[in-house]
């Protein structure tokens, strides 16, 4: 079989993640909702990536603008 399509990347909308949120649940539900409404399917070997920023927010591991400004000033 000739491969005619390369890598396809999709951004998925999800709720804002806050400290303590279950990101596995949020990501899973967001992806399944996108599949249901987005006219595409998930296949074996598909990769779901979550940005470090989302993980950091769930872990409360980030600096606020005020903290950065205080550090600089």
Protein backbone atom coordinates (compact mmCIF):
# COMPACT_ATOMS: atom_id res chain seq x y z
CA UNK A 1 0.00 0.00 0.00
CA UNK A 2 1.38 3.39 -1.00
CA UNK A 3 1.48 5.94 1.80
CA UNK A 4 0.03 9.23 0.56
CA UNK A 5 -0.50 11.19 3.78
CA UNK A 6 2.25 12.13 6.21
CA UNK A 7 1.96 13.25 9.78
CA UNK A 8 -1.24 15.05 10.74
CA UNK A 9 -1.34 17.25 13.83
CA UNK A 10 -4.54 18.48 15.44
CA UNK A 11 -5.04 20.89 18.30
CA UNK A 12 -7.80 19.91 20.69
CA UNK A 13 -9.71 22.40 22.79
CA UNK A 14 -9.93 21.56 26.47
CA UNK A 15 -11.08 23.30 29.65
CA UNK A 16 -8.58 25.49 31.49
CA UNK A 17 -6.48 23.25 33.72
CA UNK A 18 -6.06 24.31 37.33
CA UNK A 19 -4.03 23.06 40.27
CA UNK A 20 -5.06 19.55 41.24
CA UNK A 21 -7.09 18.82 38.11
CA UNK A 22 -7.04 15.28 36.76
CA UNK A 23 -5.30 15.96 33.44
CA UNK A 24 -5.65 12.34 32.30
CA UNK A 25 -9.43 12.63 32.60
CA UNK A 26 -9.49 16.09 30.98
CA UNK A 27 -7.27 15.06 28.05
CA UNK A 28 -9.12 11.78 27.51
CA UNK A 29 -12.54 13.42 27.49
CA UNK A 30 -11.35 16.31 25.30
CA UNK A 31 -9.86 13.96 22.71
CA UNK A 32 -12.91 11.68 22.69
CA UNK A 33 -15.20 14.71 22.26
CA UNK A 34 -13.04 15.95 19.38
CA UNK A 35 -13.14 12.52 17.70
CA UNK A 36 -16.90 12.36 18.07
CA UNK A 37 -17.51 15.79 16.56
CA UNK A 38 -14.46 16.23 14.34
CA UNK A 39 -14.93 13.68 11.57
CA UNK A 40 -11.73 11.74 12.27
CA UNK A 41 -10.79 8.59 14.16
CA UNK A 42 -8.05 7.39 16.48
CA UNK A 43 -5.87 4.56 15.25
CA UNK A 44 -3.27 2.21 16.67
CA UNK A 45 0.06 4.01 17.10
CA UNK A 46 -1.52 7.49 17.22
CA UNK A 47 0.23 9.79 19.67
CA UNK A 48 -1.53 12.15 22.08
CA UNK A 49 0.81 14.86 23.37
CA UNK A 50 0.18 17.16 26.32
CA UNK A 51 2.20 20.34 26.65
CA UNK A 52 4.47 20.82 29.63
CA UNK A 53 2.52 23.99 30.44
CA UNK A 54 -0.67 21.98 31.02
CA UNK A 55 1.13 19.54 33.30
CA UNK A 56 2.77 22.42 35.21
CA UNK A 57 -0.59 24.11 35.78
CA UNK A 58 -2.11 20.90 37.17
CA UNK A 59 0.90 20.58 39.49
CA UNK A 60 0.88 24.31 40.41
CA UNK A 61 4.47 24.42 39.17
CA UNK A 62 4.68 27.76 37.40
CA UNK A 63 5.54 31.39 38.09
CA UNK A 64 2.99 34.17 37.96
CA UNK A 65 3.64 37.48 36.22
CA UNK A 66 3.91 39.16 39.63
CA UNK A 67 6.53 36.64 40.77
CA UNK A 68 8.56 37.15 37.60
CA UNK A 69 8.32 40.94 37.91
CA UNK A 70 9.47 40.79 41.55
CA UNK A 71 12.40 38.57 40.58
CA UNK A 72 13.48 40.92 37.78
CA UNK A 73 12.96 44.16 39.75
